[in-house]
């Protein structure tokens, strides 16, 4: 499909790092079949979060509430490993603290406190070797991932998406971006491990197809209208009911408050629902973080709520694209067996 007629278009990389000031790094352990992805902000950024899934695993979520003291964060960690994966933030926190990053009161000989929210997906049942005893690998993986951050990063079966599934398909890491007609930038990053399906029954067409730009996930277009309200396609079904999750970050360079970013995160959740069917189920721990790097200043006027609405709508569409790209680019390997998108009937 072609770029939108408004003149909006993907950024240079079609990644969340098209929003200046952000970098992403991955690390994975093939034997454990799991991994970690870190979104690092070059300087502290304002952020908010919205949780919709019925089984979230998260850390430092409350610190993002508008009424609380610290209004910025340093990094976001997306990890496999369910509750064990929360330790990935320990490695990232230590790395940031050693570099003088974090919140503090300028007291001598007192470490700063990096603000590193984390969210985890459930990949414990994917046949990787989880006999880690008292040493789960996630702190190490978090440290490796933050040390690997870059503006250009891989998609598919990497990082937090290494052990993921999207319904009955292999899941993965996806990302996309959009530059609006004003020049404002919006990006999305997703770790797709959904209970629901990302494809229409009977082929490779993505639920997110109406939002595709320039054939970025196959260019097959939308499927036929779905006649069966329960015809969800390749979801995991009751027989495979287990914890699942899609984790996402959306970002913009427009300076927004935490309250405004909370609305962006809420709106971006609609992008998840457009790309996955069903979404936000009792088995999912779906979480969306929204970040602003604050590089584009806008006036405080009557048009500001419209700006928030436009950025939120763009974030939702961009997240849909990111989810589809994560599955589209995910491939089966000896270290990562399973059914991938390319093996489906066209």
C-alpha atoms as a PDB file:
ATOM      1  CA  UNK A   1       0.000   0.000   0.000  1.00  0.00           C
ATOM      2  CA  UNK A   2       1.123   3.566  -0.622  1.00  0.00           C
ATOM      3  CA  UNK A   3       1.916   6.239   1.982  1.00  0.00           C
ATOM      4  CA  UNK A   4      -1.144   8.090   3.324  1.00  0.00           C
ATOM      5  CA  UNK A   5      -2.453  10.873   1.063  1.00  0.00           C
ATOM      6  CA  UNK A   6      -1.918  13.444   3.854  1.00  0.00           C
ATOM      7  CA  UNK A   7       1.813  13.314   3.203  1.00  0.00           C
ATOM      8  CA  UNK A   8       2.558  11.313   6.339  1.00  0.00           C
ATOM      9  CA  UNK A   9       5.283   8.743   5.706  1.00  0.00           C
ATOM     10  CA  UNK A  10       7.545   6.315   7.578  1.00  0.00           C
ATOM     11  CA  UNK A  11      10.798   7.664   8.935  1.00  0.00           C
ATOM     12  CA  UNK A  12      14.241   6.936   7.570  1.00  0.00           C
ATOM     13  CA  UNK A  13      14.580   3.542   9.261  1.00  0.00           C
ATOM     14  CA  UNK A  14      10.883   2.774   9.840  1.00  0.00           C
ATOM     15  CA  UNK A  15      11.861   2.142  13.467  1.00  0.00           C
ATOM     16  CA  UNK A  16      11.009   3.771  16.787  1.00  0.00           C
ATOM     17  CA  UNK A  17      14.509   5.270  16.710  1.00  0.00           C
ATOM     18  CA  UNK A  18      13.319   7.634  13.974  1.00  0.00           C
ATOM     19  CA  UNK A  19      12.198   9.613  17.025  1.00  0.00           C
ATOM     20  CA  UNK A  20      15.546  11.282  17.859  1.00  0.00           C
ATOM     21  CA  UNK A  21      17.006  10.554  21.263  1.00  0.00           C
ATOM     22  CA  UNK A  22      16.078   6.860  21.446  1.00  0.00           C
ATOM     23  CA  UNK A  23      18.128   3.713  20.892  1.00  0.00           C
ATOM     24  CA  UNK A  24      17.279   0.008  21.167  1.00  0.00           C
ATOM     25  CA  UNK A  25      19.373  -3.029  22.074  1.00  0.00           C
ATOM     26  CA  UNK A  26      18.713  -6.770  22.158  1.00  0.00           C
ATOM     27  CA  UNK A  27      20.219  -9.791  23.886  1.00  0.00           C
ATOM     28  CA  UNK A  28      19.051 -13.388  23.834  1.00  0.00           C
ATOM     29  CA  UNK A  29      19.975 -16.812  25.168  1.00  0.00           C
ATOM     30  CA  UNK A  30      19.290 -19.517  22.592  1.00  0.00           C
ATOM     31  CA  UNK A  31      19.573 -22.360  25.117  1.00  0.00           C
ATOM     32  CA  UNK A  32      16.979 -20.828  27.414  1.00  0.00           C
ATOM     33  CA  UNK A  33      15.006 -19.574  24.394  1.00  0.00           C
ATOM     34  CA  UNK A  34      14.395 -16.149  25.812  1.00  0.00           C
ATOM     35  CA  UNK A  35      15.719 -12.611  25.571  1.00  0.00           C
ATOM     36  CA  UNK A  36      15.593  -8.944  26.527  1.00  0.00           C
ATOM     37  CA  UNK A  37      15.059  -5.718  24.611  1.00  0.00           C
ATOM     38  CA  UNK A  38      15.977  -2.314  26.037  1.00  0.00           C
ATOM     39  CA  UNK A  39      14.705   1.063  24.850  1.00  0.00           C
ATOM     40  CA  UNK A  40      17.240   3.619  26.080  1.00  0.00           C
ATOM     41  CA  UNK A  41      16.636   7.357  26.150  1.00  0.00           C
ATOM     42  CA  UNK A  42      19.729   9.503  25.617  1.00  0.00           C
ATOM     43  CA  UNK A  43      18.391  11.878  28.267  1.00  0.00           C
ATOM     44  CA  UNK A  44      15.476  11.399  30.699  1.00  0.00           C
ATOM     45  CA  UNK A  45      12.087  11.483  28.948  1.00  0.00           C
ATOM     46  CA  UNK A  46       8.538  12.066  30.165  1.00  0.00           C
ATOM     47  CA  UNK A  47       6.508   8.859  30.043  1.00  0.00           C
ATOM     48  CA  UNK A  48       3.215   7.203  30.950  1.00  0.00           C
ATOM     49  CA  UNK A  49       1.788   3.695  30.789  1.00  0.00           C
ATOM     50  CA  UNK A  50      -1.504   1.904  30.151  1.00  0.00           C
ATOM     51  CA  UNK A  51      -2.128  -1.704  31.214  1.00  0.00           C
ATOM     52  CA  UNK A  52      -4.946  -3.657  29.545  1.00  0.00           C
ATOM     53  CA  UNK A  53      -4.006  -7.326  29.773  1.00  0.00           C
ATOM     54  CA  UNK A  54      -5.401  -9.630  32.427  1.00  0.00           C
ATOM     55  CA  UNK A  55      -2.031 -11.066  33.503  1.00  0.00           C
ATOM     56  CA  UNK A  56       0.657  -8.368  33.504  1.00  0.00           C
ATOM     57  CA  UNK A  57       4.189  -8.820  34.867  1.00  0.00           C
ATOM     58  CA  UNK A  58       5.708  -5.411  35.499  1.00  0.00           C
ATOM     59  CA  UNK A  59       8.103  -3.294  37.562  1.00  0.00           C
ATOM     60  CA  UNK A  60       8.159   0.435  38.362  1.00  0.00           C
ATOM     61  CA  UNK A  61       4.732   0.968  36.786  1.00  0.00           C
ATOM     62  CA  UNK A  62       3.378   3.052  39.679  1.00  0.00           C
ATOM     63  CA  UNK A  63       6.227   5.538  39.337  1.00  0.00           C
ATOM     64  CA  UNK A  64       4.673   6.592  36.011  1.00  0.00           C
ATOM     65  CA  UNK A  65       1.432   7.797  37.603  1.00  0.00           C
ATOM     66  CA  UNK A  66       0.940  11.558  37.015  1.00  0.00           C
ATOM     67  CA  UNK A  67       0.604  12.357  40.715  1.00  0.00           C
ATOM     68  CA  UNK A  68       3.974  10.862  41.678  1.00  0.00           C
ATOM     69  CA  UNK A  69       7.282  12.649  42.212  1.00  0.00           C
ATOM     70  CA  UNK A  70       9.511  11.643  39.297  1.00  0.00           C
ATOM     71  CA  UNK A  71       8.114  12.628  35.909  1.00  0.00           C
ATOM     72  CA  UNK A  72      10.781  11.072  33.652  1.00  0.00           C
ATOM     73  CA  UNK A  73      12.402   7.715  32.973  1.00  0.00           C
ATOM     74  CA  UNK A  74      15.808   6.633  31.674  1.00  0.00           C
ATOM     75  CA  UNK A  75      14.985   3.357  29.902  1.00  0.00           C
ATOM     76  CA  UNK A  76      12.247   0.786  29.370  1.00  0.00           C
ATOM     77  CA  UNK A  77      12.976  -2.937  29.565  1.00  0.00           C
ATOM     78  CA  UNK A  78      10.916  -5.528  27.661  1.00  0.00           C
ATOM     79  CA  UNK A  79      11.795  -9.090  28.620  1.00  0.00           C
ATOM     80  CA  UNK A  80      10.871 -12.703  28.329  1.00  0.00           C
ATOM     81  CA  UNK A  81      10.800 -14.860  31.421  1.00  0.00           C
ATOM     82  CA  UNK A  82       7.584 -13.735  33.104  1.00  0.00           C
ATOM     83  CA  UNK A  83       8.335 -12.748  36.726  1.00  0.00           C
ATOM     84  CA  UNK A  84      11.946 -13.926  36.406  1.00  0.00           C
ATOM     85  CA  UNK A  85      12.449 -11.474  33.553  1.00  0.00           C
ATOM     86  CA  UNK A  86      11.824  -8.511  35.832  1.00  0.00           C
ATOM     87  CA  UNK A  87      15.441  -8.908  36.960  1.00  0.00           C
ATOM     88  CA  UNK A  88      16.566  -7.693  33.529  1.00  0.00           C
ATOM     89  CA  UNK A  89      15.924  -4.173  34.808  1.00  0.00           C
ATOM     90  CA  UNK A  90      18.545  -4.765  37.537  1.00  0.00           C
ATOM     91  CA  UNK A  91      21.288  -5.004  34.929  1.00  0.00           C
ATOM     92  CA  UNK A  92      20.064  -1.910  33.088  1.00  0.00           C
ATOM     93  CA  UNK A  93      19.714   0.040  36.339  1.00  0.00           C
ATOM     94  CA  UNK A  94      23.258  -0.836  37.427  1.00  0.00           C
ATOM     95  CA  UNK A  95      24.654   0.156  34.010  1.00  0.00           C
ATOM     96  CA  UNK A  96      22.887   3.520  34.092  1.00  0.00           C
ATOM     97  CA  UNK A  97      23.841   4.219  37.699  1.00  0.00           C
ATOM     98  CA  UNK A  98      27.501   3.519  36.953  1.00  0.00           C
ATOM     99  CA  UNK A  99      27.289   6.240  34.305  1.00  0.00           C
ATOM    100  CA  UNK A 100      25.748   8.842  36.588  1.00  0.00           C
ATOM    101  CA  UNK A 101      22.219   8.514  35.216  1.00  0.00           C
ATOM    102  CA  UNK A 102      19.192   8.668  37.482  1.00  0.00           C
ATOM    103  CA  UNK A 103      17.109  10.702  39.857  1.00  0.00           C
ATOM    104  CA  UNK A 104      18.668  12.174  42.993  1.00  0.00           C
ATOM    105  CA  UNK A 105      19.213  15.159  45.265  1.00  0.00           C
ATOM    106  CA  UNK A 106      22.915  15.863  44.548  1.00  0.00           C
ATOM    107  CA  UNK A 107      24.035  14.457  47.882  1.00  0.00           C
ATOM    108  CA  UNK A 108      27.751  13.542  48.121  1.00  0.00           C
ATOM    109  CA  UNK A 109      28.589   9.831  47.966  1.00  0.00           C
ATOM    110  CA  UNK A 110      24.949   8.932  47.300  1.00  0.00           C
ATOM    111  CA  UNK A 111      24.115   6.895  44.184  1.00  0.00           C
ATOM    112  CA  UNK A 112      21.498   8.216  41.826  1.00  0.00           C
ATOM    113  CA  UNK A 113      18.373   6.147  41.172  1.00  0.00           C
ATOM    114  CA  UNK A 114      17.806   5.330  37.486  1.00  0.00           C
ATOM    115  CA  UNK A 115      14.125   5.046  36.594  1.00  0.00           C
ATOM    116  CA  UNK A 116      13.744   1.838  34.579  1.00  0.00           C
ATOM    117  CA  UNK A 117      10.198   0.458  34.224  1.00  0.00           C
ATOM    118  CA  UNK A 118      10.004  -3.094  32.927  1.00  0.00           C
ATOM    119  CA  UNK A 119       7.362  -5.429  31.535  1.00  0.00           C
ATOM    120  CA  UNK A 120       7.673  -9.130  30.777  1.00  0.00           C
ATOM    121  CA  UNK A 121       6.046 -11.665  28.505  1.00  0.00           C
ATOM    122  CA  UNK A 122       5.498 -15.333  29.259  1.00  0.00           C
ATOM    123  CA  UNK A 123       7.846 -17.664  27.364  1.00  0.00           C
ATOM    124  CA  UNK A 124       8.475 -20.200  30.128  1.00  0.00           C
ATOM    125  CA  UNK A 125       6.695 -23.069  28.309  1.00  0.00           C
ATOM    126  CA  UNK A 126       8.579 -22.890  24.990  1.00  0.00           C
ATOM    127  CA  UNK A 127      10.885 -25.907  25.639  1.00  0.00           C
ATOM    128  CA  UNK A 128      14.001 -23.847  26.296  1.00  0.00           C
ATOM    129  CA  UNK A 129      16.205 -24.936  29.197  1.00  0.00           C
ATOM    130  CA  UNK A 130      14.733 -23.186  32.224  1.00  0.00           C
ATOM    131  CA  UNK A 131      16.718 -25.188  34.812  1.00  0.00           C
ATOM    132  CA  UNK A 132      18.550 -22.077  35.975  1.00  0.00           C
ATOM    133  CA  UNK A 133      18.236 -22.732  39.699  1.00  0.00           C
ATOM    134  CA  UNK A 134      19.186 -19.600  41.640  1.00  0.00           C
ATOM    135  CA  UNK A 135      20.709 -17.846  38.616  1.00  0.00           C
ATOM    136  CA  UNK A 136      18.073 -16.886  36.010  1.00  0.00           C
ATOM    137  CA  UNK A 137      19.835 -15.211  33.059  1.00  0.00           C
ATOM    138  CA  UNK A 138      17.818 -12.003  32.955  1.00  0.00           C
ATOM    139  CA  UNK A 139      20.070  -9.586  34.845  1.00  0.00           C
ATOM    140  CA  UNK A 140      22.903 -10.613  32.531  1.00  0.00           C
ATOM    141  CA  UNK A 141      20.711 -10.291  29.454  1.00  0.00           C
ATOM    142  CA  UNK A 142      19.515  -6.856  30.540  1.00  0.00           C
ATOM    143  CA  UNK A 143      23.110  -5.701  30.882  1.00  0.00           C
ATOM    144  CA  UNK A 144      24.037  -7.163  27.489  1.00  0.00           C
ATOM    145  CA  UNK A 145      21.027  -5.547  25.820  1.00  0.00           C
ATOM    146  CA  UNK A 146      21.687  -2.037  27.149  1.00  0.00           C
ATOM    147  CA  UNK A 147      25.334  -2.324  26.127  1.00  0.00           C
ATOM    148  CA  UNK A 148      24.168  -3.152  22.579  1.00  0.00           C
ATOM    149  CA  UNK A 149      21.814  -0.191  22.021  1.00  0.00           C
ATOM    150  CA  UNK A 150      21.897   1.397  18.577  1.00  0.00           C
ATOM    151  CA  UNK A 151      19.692   3.466  16.297  1.00  0.00           C
ATOM    152  CA  UNK A 152      19.444   0.659  13.741  1.00  0.00           C
ATOM    153  CA  UNK A 153      18.336  -2.644  15.278  1.00  0.00           C
ATOM    154  CA  UNK A 154      17.044  -6.033  14.134  1.00  0.00           C
ATOM    155  CA  UNK A 155      13.409  -7.122  14.038  1.00  0.00           C
ATOM    156  CA  UNK A 156      11.814 -10.560  14.231  1.00  0.00           C
ATOM    157  CA  UNK A 157      13.093 -13.346  16.471  1.00  0.00           C
ATOM    158  CA  UNK A 158      15.468 -11.285  18.590  1.00  0.00           C
ATOM    159  CA  UNK A 159      15.618  -9.847  22.092  1.00  0.00           C
ATOM    160  CA  UNK A 160      12.410 -10.120  24.082  1.00  0.00           C
ATOM    161  CA  UNK A 161      10.779 -11.697  21.025  1.00  0.00           C
ATOM    162  CA  UNK A 162      13.226 -14.607  20.786  1.00  0.00           C
ATOM    163  CA  UNK A 163      10.990 -17.054  22.651  1.00  0.00           C
ATOM    164  CA  UNK A 164       7.672 -15.470  21.723  1.00  0.00           C
ATOM    165  CA  UNK A 165       4.628 -16.764  19.861  1.00  0.00           C
ATOM    166  CA  UNK A 166       1.832 -14.826  18.173  1.00  0.00           C
ATOM    167  CA  UNK A 167      -1.128 -17.143  18.378  1.00  0.00           C
ATOM    168  CA  UNK A 168       0.137 -20.307  16.664  1.00  0.00           C
ATOM    169  CA  UNK A 169       2.925 -18.468  14.807  1.00  0.00           C
ATOM    170  CA  UNK A 170       6.355 -17.459  15.973  1.00  0.00           C
ATOM    171  CA  UNK A 171       6.227 -13.983  17.471  1.00  0.00           C
ATOM    172  CA  UNK A 172       8.971 -11.418  17.664  1.00  0.00           C
ATOM    173  CA  UNK A 173      10.098  -7.824  17.915  1.00  0.00           C
ATOM    174  CA  UNK A 174       8.474  -5.314  15.565  1.00  0.00           C
ATOM    175  CA  UNK A 175       8.884  -1.596  15.053  1.00  0.00           C
ATOM    176  CA  UNK A 176       7.599   1.141  12.756  1.00  0.00           C
ATOM    177  CA  UNK A 177       7.524   4.915  12.515  1.00  0.00           C
ATOM    178  CA  UNK A 178       5.530   7.732  10.972  1.00  0.00           C
ATOM    179  CA  UNK A 179       6.395  11.352  10.211  1.00  0.00           C
ATOM    180  CA  UNK A 180       3.210  13.412  10.193  1.00  0.00           C
ATOM    181  CA  UNK A 181       2.556  16.219   7.722  1.00  0.00           C
ATOM    182  CA  UNK A 182       3.705  18.739  10.373  1.00  0.00           C
ATOM    183  CA  UNK A 183       7.045  16.953  10.706  1.00  0.00           C
ATOM    184  CA  UNK A 184       6.108  15.488  14.096  1.00  0.00           C
ATOM    185  CA  UNK A 185       7.519  12.011  14.593  1.00  0.00           C
ATOM    186  CA  UNK A 186       5.818   8.956  16.062  1.00  0.00           C
ATOM    187  CA  UNK A 187       7.366   5.522  16.563  1.00  0.00           C
ATOM    188  CA  UNK A 188       6.373   2.150  17.998  1.00  0.00           C
ATOM    189  CA  UNK A 189       8.204  -0.882  19.338  1.00  0.00           C
ATOM    190  CA  UNK A 190       6.419  -4.168  20.113  1.00  0.00           C
ATOM    191  CA  UNK A 191       7.322  -7.532  21.597  1.00  0.00           C
ATOM    192  CA  UNK A 192       4.589  -9.779  20.193  1.00  0.00           C
ATOM    193  CA  UNK A 193       3.678 -12.859  22.250  1.00  0.00           C
ATOM    194  CA  UNK A 194      -0.084 -12.738  21.891  1.00  0.00           C
ATOM    195  CA  UNK A 195      -2.752 -15.259  22.794  1.00  0.00           C
ATOM    196  CA  UNK A 196      -4.710 -13.975  19.796  1.00  0.00           C
ATOM    197  CA  UNK A 197      -3.916 -14.282  16.098  1.00  0.00           C
ATOM    198  CA  UNK A 198      -2.279 -11.591  13.977  1.00  0.00           C
ATOM    199  CA  UNK A 199      -3.476 -13.074  10.659  1.00  0.00           C
ATOM    200  CA  UNK A 200      -6.868 -13.492   9.048  1.00  0.00           C
ATOM    201  CA  UNK A 201      -7.960 -17.169   8.849  1.00  0.00           C
ATOM    202  CA  UNK A 202      -6.824 -19.096   5.804  1.00  0.00           C
ATOM    203  CA  UNK A 203      -3.698 -17.265   4.706  1.00  0.00           C
ATOM    204  CA  UNK A 204      -0.965 -14.720   5.383  1.00  0.00           C
ATOM    205  CA  UNK A 205      -3.010 -11.532   5.421  1.00  0.00           C
ATOM    206  CA  UNK A 206      -2.549  -9.517   8.584  1.00  0.00           C
ATOM    207  CA  UNK A 207      -5.366  -7.990  10.583  1.00  0.00           C
ATOM    208  CA  UNK A 208      -3.228  -4.834  10.463  1.00  0.00           C
ATOM    209  CA  UNK A 209      -3.213  -4.783   6.634  1.00  0.00           C
ATOM    210  CA  UNK A 210      -5.332  -1.595   6.268  1.00  0.00           C
ATOM    211  CA  UNK A 211      -2.516   0.342   7.955  1.00  0.00           C
ATOM    212  CA  UNK A 212       0.389  -1.113   5.945  1.00  0.00           C
ATOM    213  CA  UNK A 213       2.675   1.314   4.082  1.00  0.00           C
ATOM    214  CA  UNK A 214       4.826   0.372   1.082  1.00  0.00           C
ATOM    215  CA  UNK A 215       4.421  -3.401   1.505  1.00  0.00           C
ATOM    216  CA  UNK A 216       6.277  -3.384   4.815  1.00  0.00           C
ATOM    217  CA  UNK A 217       4.749  -6.697   5.911  1.00  0.00           C
ATOM    218  CA  UNK A 218       4.063  -8.523   2.671  1.00  0.00           C
ATOM    219  CA  UNK A 219       1.816  -6.147   0.757  1.00  0.00           C
ATOM    220  CA  UNK A 220      -1.009  -8.678   0.465  1.00  0.00           C
ATOM    221  CA  UNK A 221      -3.731  -6.222   1.439  1.00  0.00           C
ATOM    222  CA  UNK A 222      -6.748  -6.889   3.663  1.00  0.00           C
ATOM    223  CA  UNK A 223      -8.521 -10.212   3.578  1.00  0.00           C
ATOM    224  CA  UNK A 224     -12.196 -10.693   2.833  1.00  0.00           C
ATOM    225  CA  UNK A 225     -14.620  -9.467   5.514  1.00  0.00           C
ATOM    226  CA  UNK A 226     -14.883 -11.999   8.301  1.00  0.00           C
ATOM    227  CA  UNK A 227     -18.331 -13.631   8.364  1.00  0.00           C
ATOM    228  CA  UNK A 228     -17.903 -15.477  11.659  1.00  0.00           C
ATOM    229  CA  UNK A 229     -17.693 -13.273  14.783  1.00  0.00           C
ATOM    230  CA  UNK A 230     -15.624 -16.021  16.411  1.00  0.00           C
ATOM    231  CA  UNK A 231     -13.453 -16.757  13.376  1.00  0.00           C
ATOM    232  CA  UNK A 232     -10.247 -15.498  14.954  1.00  0.00           C
ATOM    233  CA  UNK A 233      -7.809 -17.516  12.888  1.00  0.00           C
ATOM    234  CA  UNK A 234      -4.567 -18.923  14.310  1.00  0.00           C
ATOM    235  CA  UNK A 235      -5.048 -18.052  17.958  1.00  0.00           C
ATOM    236  CA  UNK A 236      -3.865 -20.406  20.682  1.00  0.00           C
ATOM    237  CA  UNK A 237      -7.350 -21.548  21.685  1.00  0.00           C
ATOM    238  CA  UNK A 238      -8.666 -22.945  24.927  1.00  0.00           C
ATOM    239  CA  UNK A 239      -6.498 -26.059  24.676  1.00  0.00           C
ATOM    240  CA  UNK A 240      -3.373 -23.884  24.776  1.00  0.00           C
ATOM    241  CA  UNK A 241      -4.590 -21.257  27.228  1.00  0.00           C
ATOM    242  CA  UNK A 242      -1.589 -19.892  29.074  1.00  0.00           C
ATOM    243  CA  UNK A 243      -0.091 -16.558  29.950  1.00  0.00           C
ATOM    244  CA  UNK A 244       0.639 -14.453  26.878  1.00  0.00           C
ATOM    245  CA  UNK A 245       1.499 -10.814  26.363  1.00  0.00           C
ATOM    246  CA  UNK A 246       2.177  -8.099  23.830  1.00  0.00           C
ATOM    247  CA  UNK A 247       4.431  -5.380  25.197  1.00  0.00           C
ATOM    248  CA  UNK A 248       4.789  -2.052  23.416  1.00  0.00           C
ATOM    249  CA  UNK A 249       6.375   1.368  23.557  1.00  0.00           C
ATOM    250  CA  UNK A 250       5.187   4.310  21.503  1.00  0.00           C
ATOM    251  CA  UNK A 251       7.160   7.528  21.311  1.00  0.00           C
ATOM    252  CA  UNK A 252       6.988  11.019  19.864  1.00  0.00           C
ATOM    253  CA  UNK A 253       9.349  13.988  19.645  1.00  0.00           C
ATOM    254  CA  UNK A 254       6.511  16.385  20.543  1.00  0.00           C
ATOM    255  CA  UNK A 255       6.788  17.716  24.103  1.00  0.00           C
ATOM    256  CA  UNK A 256       3.809  16.372  26.055  1.00  0.00           C
ATOM    257  CA  UNK A 257       2.893  16.130  29.729  1.00  0.00           C
ATOM    258  CA  UNK A 258       2.509  12.825  31.523  1.00  0.00           C
ATOM    259  CA  UNK A 259      -1.276  13.283  31.539  1.00  0.00           C
ATOM    260  CA  UNK A 260      -1.248  13.802  27.773  1.00  0.00           C
ATOM    261  CA  UNK A 261       1.044  10.802  27.306  1.00  0.00           C
ATOM    262  CA  UNK A 262      -1.333   8.686  29.335  1.00  0.00           C
ATOM    263  CA  UNK A 263      -4.008   9.489  26.765  1.00  0.00           C
ATOM    264  CA  UNK A 264      -1.542   8.578  23.984  1.00  0.00           C
ATOM    265  CA  UNK A 265      -0.905   5.198  25.641  1.00  0.00           C
ATOM    266  CA  UNK A 266      -4.649   4.556  25.959  1.00  0.00           C
ATOM    267  CA  UNK A 267      -5.221   5.415  22.300  1.00  0.00           C
ATOM    268  CA  UNK A 268      -2.254   3.290  21.207  1.00  0.00           C
ATOM    269  CA  UNK A 269      -3.841   0.236  22.815  1.00  0.00           C
ATOM    270  CA  UNK A 270      -6.410   0.414  20.001  1.00  0.00           C
ATOM    271  CA  UNK A 271      -3.578  -0.318  17.595  1.00  0.00           C
ATOM    272  CA  UNK A 272      -2.947  -3.550  19.451  1.00  0.00           C
ATOM    273  CA  UNK A 273      -6.614  -4.484  19.168  1.00  0.00           C
ATOM    274  CA  UNK A 274      -6.579  -3.779  15.409  1.00  0.00           C
ATOM    275  CA  UNK A 275      -3.567  -6.053  14.867  1.00  0.00           C
ATOM    276  CA  UNK A 276      -4.409  -8.966  17.197  1.00  0.00           C
ATOM    277  CA  UNK A 277      -7.682 -10.862  17.519  1.00  0.00           C
ATOM    278  CA  UNK A 278      -8.634 -11.261  20.306  1.00  0.00           C
ATOM    279  CA  UNK A 279      -6.547  -8.761  22.293  1.00  0.00           C
ATOM    280  CA  UNK A 280      -6.402  -7.884  26.006  1.00  0.00           C
ATOM    281  CA  UNK A 281      -7.675 -11.311  27.026  1.00  0.00           C
ATOM    282  CA  UNK A 282      -7.437 -12.769  30.550  1.00  0.00           C
ATOM    283  CA  UNK A 283      -4.327 -14.638  29.350  1.00  0.00           C
ATOM    284  CA  UNK A 284      -2.498 -11.524  28.085  1.00  0.00           C
ATOM    285  CA  UNK A 285      -0.430  -9.023  30.049  1.00  0.00           C
ATOM    286  CA  UNK A 286      -0.685  -6.272  27.440  1.00  0.00           C
ATOM    287  CA  UNK A 287       1.107  -3.038  28.368  1.00  0.00           C
ATOM    288  CA  UNK A 288       1.826   0.130  26.362  1.00  0.00           C
ATOM    289  CA  UNK A 289       4.395   2.710  27.461  1.00  0.00           C
ATOM    290  CA  UNK A 290       4.222   6.182  25.881  1.00  0.00           C
ATOM    291  CA  UNK A 291       7.306   8.418  25.795  1.00  0.00           C
ATOM    292  CA  UNK A 292       8.064  11.981  24.707  1.00  0.00           C
ATOM    293  CA  UNK A 293      11.600  13.118  23.941  1.00  0.00           C
ATOM    294  CA  UNK A 294      10.303  16.706  24.077  1.00  0.00           C
ATOM    295  CA  UNK A 295      12.302  18.076  21.152  1.00  0.00           C
ATOM    296  CA  UNK A 296       9.340  19.805  19.470  1.00  0.00           C
ATOM    297  CA  UNK A 297       7.680  22.478  21.598  1.00  0.00           C
ATOM    298  CA  UNK A 298       4.055  23.416  20.938  1.00  0.00           C
ATOM    299  CA  UNK A 299       2.019  26.308  22.329  1.00  0.00           C
ATOM    300  CA  UNK A 300      -0.455  25.875  25.151  1.00  0.00           C
ATOM    301  CA  UNK A 301      -3.598  26.786  23.225  1.00  0.00           C
ATOM    302  CA  UNK A 302      -7.026  25.496  22.322  1.00  0.00           C
ATOM    303  CA  UNK A 303      -5.569  23.315  19.546  1.00  0.00           C
ATOM    304  CA  UNK A 304      -3.464  21.252  21.941  1.00  0.00           C
ATOM    305  CA  UNK A 305      -6.092  18.535  22.615  1.00  0.00           C
ATOM    306  CA  UNK A 306      -6.373  18.057  18.851  1.00  0.00           C
ATOM    307  CA  UNK A 307      -2.607  17.596  18.709  1.00  0.00           C
ATOM    308  CA  UNK A 308      -2.834  14.902  21.361  1.00  0.00           C
ATOM    309  CA  UNK A 309      -5.632  13.205  19.412  1.00  0.00           C
ATOM    310  CA  UNK A 310      -3.608  13.255  16.178  1.00  0.00           C
ATOM    311  CA  UNK A 311      -0.499  11.838  17.822  1.00  0.00           C
ATOM    312  CA  UNK A 312      -2.544   9.195  19.638  1.00  0.00           C
ATOM    313  CA  UNK A 313      -4.227   8.100  16.416  1.00  0.00           C
ATOM    314  CA  UNK A 314      -0.865   7.928  14.643  1.00  0.00           C
ATOM    315  CA  UNK A 315       0.590   5.942  17.548  1.00  0.00           C
ATOM    316  CA  UNK A 316      -2.237   3.397  17.296  1.00  0.00           C
ATOM    317  CA  UNK A 317      -1.759   2.912  13.555  1.00  0.00           C
ATOM    318  CA  UNK A 318       2.015   2.740  13.899  1.00  0.00           C
ATOM    319  CA  UNK A 319       1.761   0.144  16.672  1.00  0.00           C
ATOM    320  CA  UNK A 320      -0.484  -2.011  14.447  1.00  0.00           C
ATOM    321  CA  UNK A 321       2.199  -1.891  11.769  1.00  0.00           C
ATOM    322  CA  UNK A 322       4.956  -2.689  14.260  1.00  0.00           C
ATOM    323  CA  UNK A 323       3.105  -5.770  15.512  1.00  0.00           C
ATOM    324  CA  UNK A 324       2.627  -7.117  11.997  1.00  0.00           C
ATOM    325  CA  UNK A 325       6.267  -6.414  11.094  1.00  0.00           C
ATOM    326  CA  UNK A 326       7.470  -8.339  14.140  1.00  0.00           C
ATOM    327  CA  UNK A 327       5.667 -11.494  13.011  1.00  0.00           C
ATOM    328  CA  UNK A 328       6.330 -10.948   9.295  1.00  0.00           C
ATOM    329  CA  UNK A 329      10.102 -10.827   9.908  1.00  0.00           C
ATOM    330  CA  UNK A 330      10.211 -13.687  12.414  1.00  0.00           C
ATOM    331  CA  UNK A 331      11.658 -16.922  11.012  1.00  0.00           C
ATOM    332  CA  UNK A 332      12.073 -20.454  12.336  1.00  0.00           C
ATOM    333  CA  UNK A 333      15.646 -21.608  12.974  1.00  0.00           C
ATOM    334  CA  UNK A 334      17.178 -24.689  14.659  1.00  0.00           C
ATOM    335  CA  UNK A 335      17.481 -22.606  17.846  1.00  0.00           C
ATOM    336  CA  UNK A 336      13.970 -21.289  17.426  1.00  0.00           C
ATOM    337  CA  UNK A 337      11.685 -23.947  15.905  1.00  0.00           C
ATOM    338  CA  UNK A 338       8.029 -23.342  15.140  1.00  0.00           C
ATOM    339  CA  UNK A 339       5.613 -22.171  12.488  1.00  0.00           C
ATOM    340  CA  UNK A 340       6.478 -18.825  10.944  1.00  0.00           C
ATOM    341  CA  UNK A 341       4.494 -16.497   8.709  1.00  0.00           C
ATOM    342  CA  UNK A 342       6.367 -17.513   5.539  1.00  0.00           C
ATOM    343  CA  UNK A 343       5.171 -21.109   5.878  1.00  0.00           C
ATOM    344  CA  UNK A 344       1.479 -20.181   5.665  1.00  0.00           C
ATOM    345  CA  UNK A 345      -0.487 -20.429   2.448  1.00  0.00           C
ATOM    346  CA  UNK A 346      -0.460 -17.177   0.501  1.00  0.00           C
END
